[in-house]
N, C-alpha and C. Protein backbone atom coordinates (compact mmCIF):
# COMPACT_ATOMS: atom_id res chain seq x y z
N MET A 1 0.80 -1.13 -0.11
CA MET A 1 0.03 0.05 -0.17
C MET A 1 0.95 1.31 -0.06
N GLU A 2 0.65 2.21 -0.53
CA GLU A 2 1.54 3.55 -1.16
C GLU A 2 0.54 4.38 -0.66
N GLU A 3 0.52 5.44 0.29
CA GLU A 3 -0.28 6.74 0.63
C GLU A 3 0.87 7.82 0.58
N VAL A 4 0.39 8.98 0.40
CA VAL A 4 1.18 10.07 0.31
C VAL A 4 0.66 11.17 1.44
N ALA A 5 1.81 11.56 2.47
CA ALA A 5 1.30 12.86 3.49
C ALA A 5 2.25 13.64 3.37
N LYS A 6 1.72 15.18 3.48
CA LYS A 6 2.42 16.24 3.63
C LYS A 6 3.12 16.61 4.64
N ILE A 7 4.34 17.19 4.99
CA ILE A 7 4.89 17.38 6.12
C ILE A 7 4.65 19.05 6.35
N THR A 8 4.02 19.43 7.57
CA THR A 8 3.44 20.81 7.96
C THR A 8 5.05 21.68 8.07
N ALA A 9 4.99 22.82 8.35
CA ALA A 9 5.76 23.66 8.81
C ALA A 9 6.57 23.26 10.11
N LYS A 10 5.75 22.65 10.77
CA LYS A 10 6.47 22.15 12.38
C LYS A 10 6.79 20.53 12.07
N GLY A 11 6.86 20.01 10.95
CA GLY A 11 7.54 18.69 10.76
C GLY A 11 6.59 17.80 11.16
N GLN A 12 5.20 18.14 11.36
CA GLN A 12 4.06 17.11 11.37
C GLN A 12 3.22 16.39 10.31
N ILE A 13 3.20 15.13 10.22
CA ILE A 13 2.56 14.45 9.22
C ILE A 13 1.07 13.84 9.84
N THR A 14 0.02 13.47 9.16
CA THR A 14 -0.99 12.86 9.51
C THR A 14 -0.75 11.56 8.42
N ILE A 15 -0.97 10.69 9.41
CA ILE A 15 -1.18 9.11 8.75
C ILE A 15 -2.28 8.84 8.32
N PRO A 16 -2.25 8.79 6.94
CA PRO A 16 -3.56 8.34 6.39
C PRO A 16 -3.93 7.12 6.76
N ALA A 17 -5.48 7.34 6.71
CA ALA A 17 -6.47 6.77 7.57
C ALA A 17 -6.39 5.11 7.16
N ALA A 18 -6.20 4.79 5.84
CA ALA A 18 -6.07 3.48 5.71
C ALA A 18 -4.77 2.95 6.27
N ILE A 19 -3.91 3.44 6.16
CA ILE A 19 -2.72 3.10 6.78
C ILE A 19 -2.67 2.66 8.23
N ARG A 20 -3.54 3.89 9.03
CA ARG A 20 -3.76 3.74 10.59
C ARG A 20 -4.70 2.65 10.78
N ARG A 21 -5.33 2.27 9.47
CA ARG A 21 -6.39 1.03 10.01
C ARG A 21 -5.66 -0.13 9.91
N SER A 22 -4.63 -0.36 8.87
CA SER A 22 -4.06 -1.68 8.63
C SER A 22 -2.99 -1.86 9.85
N MET A 23 -2.60 -0.57 10.15
CA MET A 23 -1.57 -0.71 11.42
C MET A 23 -2.20 -0.96 12.83
N LYS A 24 -3.80 -0.72 12.88
CA LYS A 24 -4.24 -0.74 14.01
C LYS A 24 -3.87 0.49 14.92
N LEU A 25 -3.61 1.43 14.60
CA LEU A 25 -3.45 2.54 15.54
C LEU A 25 -4.44 3.44 15.69
N LYS A 26 -4.85 3.87 17.26
CA LYS A 26 -5.63 4.50 17.47
C LYS A 26 -5.26 5.81 17.98
N ASP A 27 -5.98 6.70 18.39
CA ASP A 27 -5.58 8.08 18.93
C ASP A 27 -4.65 7.91 20.04
N GLY A 28 -3.82 8.68 20.07
CA GLY A 28 -3.02 8.45 21.12
C GLY A 28 -1.79 7.10 21.21
N ASP A 29 -1.97 6.43 20.39
CA ASP A 29 -1.07 5.24 20.12
C ASP A 29 0.40 5.94 19.77
N ASN A 30 1.45 5.44 20.15
CA ASN A 30 2.84 5.62 19.70
C ASN A 30 3.38 5.16 18.54
N VAL A 31 3.97 5.87 17.47
CA VAL A 31 4.57 5.21 16.52
C VAL A 31 6.32 5.03 16.69
N LEU A 32 6.64 3.96 15.85
CA LEU A 32 8.21 3.76 16.01
C LEU A 32 8.65 4.29 14.66
N PHE A 33 9.77 4.94 14.52
CA PHE A 33 10.32 5.54 13.02
C PHE A 33 11.54 4.69 13.11
N ILE A 34 11.83 3.86 12.09
CA ILE A 34 12.94 3.31 11.86
C ILE A 34 13.70 3.73 10.34
N GLN A 35 14.92 4.11 10.61
CA GLN A 35 15.65 4.52 9.44
C GLN A 35 16.87 3.66 9.13
N ASP A 36 16.51 3.18 7.98
CA ASP A 36 17.39 2.14 7.29
C ASP A 36 18.01 2.69 5.96
N GLY A 37 19.17 3.19 6.10
CA GLY A 37 19.50 3.90 4.86
C GLY A 37 18.86 5.10 4.70
N ASP A 38 18.54 5.25 3.21
CA ASP A 38 17.73 6.21 2.82
C ASP A 38 16.12 5.94 3.04
N ARG A 39 15.72 4.97 3.34
CA ARG A 39 14.44 4.62 4.01
C ARG A 39 13.98 4.62 5.47
N CYS A 40 12.51 4.91 5.43
CA CYS A 40 12.29 4.93 6.93
C CYS A 40 10.99 4.06 6.97
N TYR A 41 10.78 3.45 8.35
CA TYR A 41 9.85 2.64 8.21
C TYR A 41 8.95 3.17 9.58
N VAL A 42 7.68 3.03 9.56
CA VAL A 42 6.81 3.29 10.76
C VAL A 42 6.39 1.87 11.21
N GLU A 43 6.17 1.87 12.31
CA GLU A 43 5.51 0.57 12.92
C GLU A 43 4.74 1.14 14.06
N ASN A 44 3.76 0.35 14.68
CA ASN A 44 3.00 0.23 15.72
C ASN A 44 3.86 0.22 17.24
N ALA A 45 4.30 1.03 17.97
CA ALA A 45 5.51 0.95 18.89
C ALA A 45 4.72 0.02 19.68
N ALA A 46 3.67 -0.34 20.24
CA ALA A 46 3.45 -1.47 21.07
C ALA A 46 3.39 -2.58 20.55
N MET A 47 2.82 -2.69 19.24
CA MET A 47 3.13 -4.23 18.62
C MET A 47 4.66 -4.49 18.51
N ALA A 48 5.44 -3.67 18.09
CA ALA A 48 6.89 -3.71 17.81
C ALA A 48 7.64 -4.39 19.11
N THR A 49 7.00 -3.69 20.32
CA THR A 49 7.68 -4.26 21.63
C THR A 49 7.38 -5.53 21.69
N ILE A 50 5.96 -5.92 21.53
CA ILE A 50 5.50 -7.03 22.09
C ILE A 50 6.16 -8.29 21.03
N ASN A 51 6.58 -7.80 19.81
CA ASN A 51 7.22 -8.59 18.68
C ASN A 51 8.67 -8.88 19.46
N ARG A 52 9.00 -7.98 19.88
CA ARG A 52 10.65 -7.97 20.27
C ARG A 52 10.40 -8.88 21.38
N MET A 53 9.98 -8.73 22.45
CA MET A 53 9.63 -9.54 23.57
C MET A 53 9.49 -11.02 23.34
N GLN A 54 8.58 -11.19 22.35
CA GLN A 54 8.34 -12.63 21.99
C GLN A 54 9.48 -13.30 21.39
N GLU A 55 10.42 -12.38 20.56
CA GLU A 55 11.58 -13.10 19.91
C GLU A 55 12.40 -13.44 20.98
N ALA A 56 13.03 -12.39 21.89
CA ALA A 56 13.41 -12.41 23.30
C ALA A 56 13.41 -13.75 24.13
N PHE A 57 12.05 -13.81 24.15
CA PHE A 57 11.46 -15.02 24.89
C PHE A 57 11.59 -16.53 24.04
N ALA A 58 11.63 -16.20 22.99
CA ALA A 58 11.66 -17.60 22.17
C ALA A 58 12.39 -18.81 22.54
N GLY A 59 11.98 -19.86 22.70
CA GLY A 59 12.67 -21.08 22.96
C GLY A 59 12.56 -21.16 24.73
N GLU A 60 12.20 -20.36 25.63
CA GLU A 60 12.33 -20.27 27.02
C GLU A 60 11.24 -20.95 27.43
N ALA A 61 9.98 -21.38 26.94
CA ALA A 61 9.20 -22.57 27.21
C ALA A 61 9.61 -23.60 27.49
N GLU A 62 10.16 -23.98 26.32
CA GLU A 62 10.54 -25.35 26.05
C GLU A 62 11.88 -25.76 27.07
N ARG A 63 12.72 -24.31 27.40
CA ARG A 63 13.62 -24.65 28.00
C ARG A 63 13.25 -24.84 29.62
N LEU A 64 12.26 -24.34 29.91
CA LEU A 64 11.77 -24.38 31.49
C LEU A 64 10.55 -25.67 31.54
N GLY A 65 10.24 -26.14 30.33
CA GLY A 65 9.57 -27.60 30.41
C GLY A 65 8.25 -27.20 30.66
N LEU A 66 7.74 -25.96 30.02
CA LEU A 66 6.39 -25.45 30.17
C LEU A 66 5.63 -26.06 28.62
N GLN A 67 4.61 -26.83 28.88
CA GLN A 67 4.12 -27.30 27.82
C GLN A 67 2.35 -26.73 27.25
N ASN A 68 1.87 -26.38 28.38
CA ASN A 68 0.73 -25.70 28.44
C ASN A 68 0.39 -24.60 29.48
N GLU A 69 -0.95 -24.20 29.24
CA GLU A 69 -1.13 -22.94 30.49
C GLU A 69 -1.01 -23.39 31.92
N ASP A 70 -1.51 -24.79 32.04
CA ASP A 70 -1.51 -25.20 33.42
C ASP A 70 -0.01 -25.45 34.08
N ASP A 71 0.98 -25.66 33.06
CA ASP A 71 2.06 -25.73 33.47
C ASP A 71 2.71 -24.12 33.83
N VAL A 72 2.19 -23.27 33.14
CA VAL A 72 2.33 -21.68 33.41
C VAL A 72 2.09 -21.40 34.92
N ALA A 73 0.46 -21.74 34.96
CA ALA A 73 -0.05 -21.33 36.33
C ALA A 73 0.63 -21.87 37.36
N ALA A 74 1.30 -23.40 37.24
CA ALA A 74 1.76 -23.95 38.41
C ALA A 74 3.07 -23.10 38.67
N MET A 75 3.90 -22.64 37.53
CA MET A 75 5.28 -22.31 37.79
C MET A 75 4.89 -20.77 38.36
N VAL A 76 3.74 -20.22 37.84
CA VAL A 76 3.56 -18.57 38.67
C VAL A 76 3.17 -18.90 40.14
N LYS A 77 2.17 -20.15 40.48
CA LYS A 77 2.08 -20.33 41.88
C LYS A 77 3.44 -20.51 42.64
N GLU A 78 4.30 -21.33 41.99
CA GLU A 78 5.79 -21.82 42.68
C GLU A 78 6.39 -20.45 43.34
N VAL A 79 6.86 -19.66 42.13
CA VAL A 79 7.27 -18.60 42.21
C VAL A 79 6.52 -17.45 43.36
N ARG A 80 5.55 -17.36 43.02
CA ARG A 80 4.81 -16.44 44.28
C ARG A 80 4.81 -16.83 45.77
N ARG A 81 4.80 -18.45 45.93
CA ARG A 81 5.04 -19.06 47.40
C ARG A 81 6.28 -18.68 47.66
N ASP A 82 7.67 -19.13 46.67
CA ASP A 82 8.99 -19.04 47.23
C ASP A 82 9.17 -17.08 47.72
N ARG A 83 8.43 -16.34 46.92
CA ARG A 83 8.53 -14.93 47.18
C ARG A 83 8.10 -14.74 48.52
N TRP A 84 6.95 -15.39 48.64
CA TRP A 84 6.30 -14.94 50.11
C TRP A 84 6.83 -15.66 51.09
N GLU A 85 7.59 -16.82 51.19
CA GLU A 85 8.25 -17.26 52.07
C GLU A 85 9.74 -16.62 52.55
N LYS A 86 10.11 -15.86 51.36
CA LYS A 86 11.43 -15.20 51.49
C LYS A 86 11.09 -14.18 52.34
N ARG A 87 9.96 -13.39 51.89
CA ARG A 87 9.33 -12.16 52.44
C ARG A 87 9.38 -12.28 53.90
N HIS A 88 8.81 -13.25 54.22
CA HIS A 88 7.94 -13.54 55.43
C HIS A 88 9.01 -14.36 56.43
N ALA A 89 10.00 -14.66 55.89
CA ALA A 89 11.17 -15.59 56.61
C ALA A 89 12.00 -14.76 57.71
N ASP A 90 11.92 -13.47 57.20
CA ASP A 90 12.86 -12.39 58.02
C ASP A 90 11.84 -12.18 59.36
N HIS A 91 10.53 -12.38 59.31
CA HIS A 91 9.83 -11.86 60.51
C HIS A 91 9.51 -13.15 61.24
N ALA A 92 9.84 -14.32 61.19
CA ALA A 92 9.80 -15.42 61.80
C ALA A 92 10.67 -15.52 62.94
């Protein structure tokens, strides 16, 4: 998809409606500008962050032996119990 936007005297642009819809951008959202040589890419900042986090955590579920949501819930309970015990061990 190609769209054209004019830059104002203050350096502002309006992202065309079709682009906003395709990027799922709403009023108040942040966008990320990525310069690559003479090209500039615009991303939905929230989605870019989520995608980078997913990439960073790729393989961690397998490494931890987590196969389903029940495994994740059990791990969260265990971590919470351990933290509670450590926090309250000082008061015993």
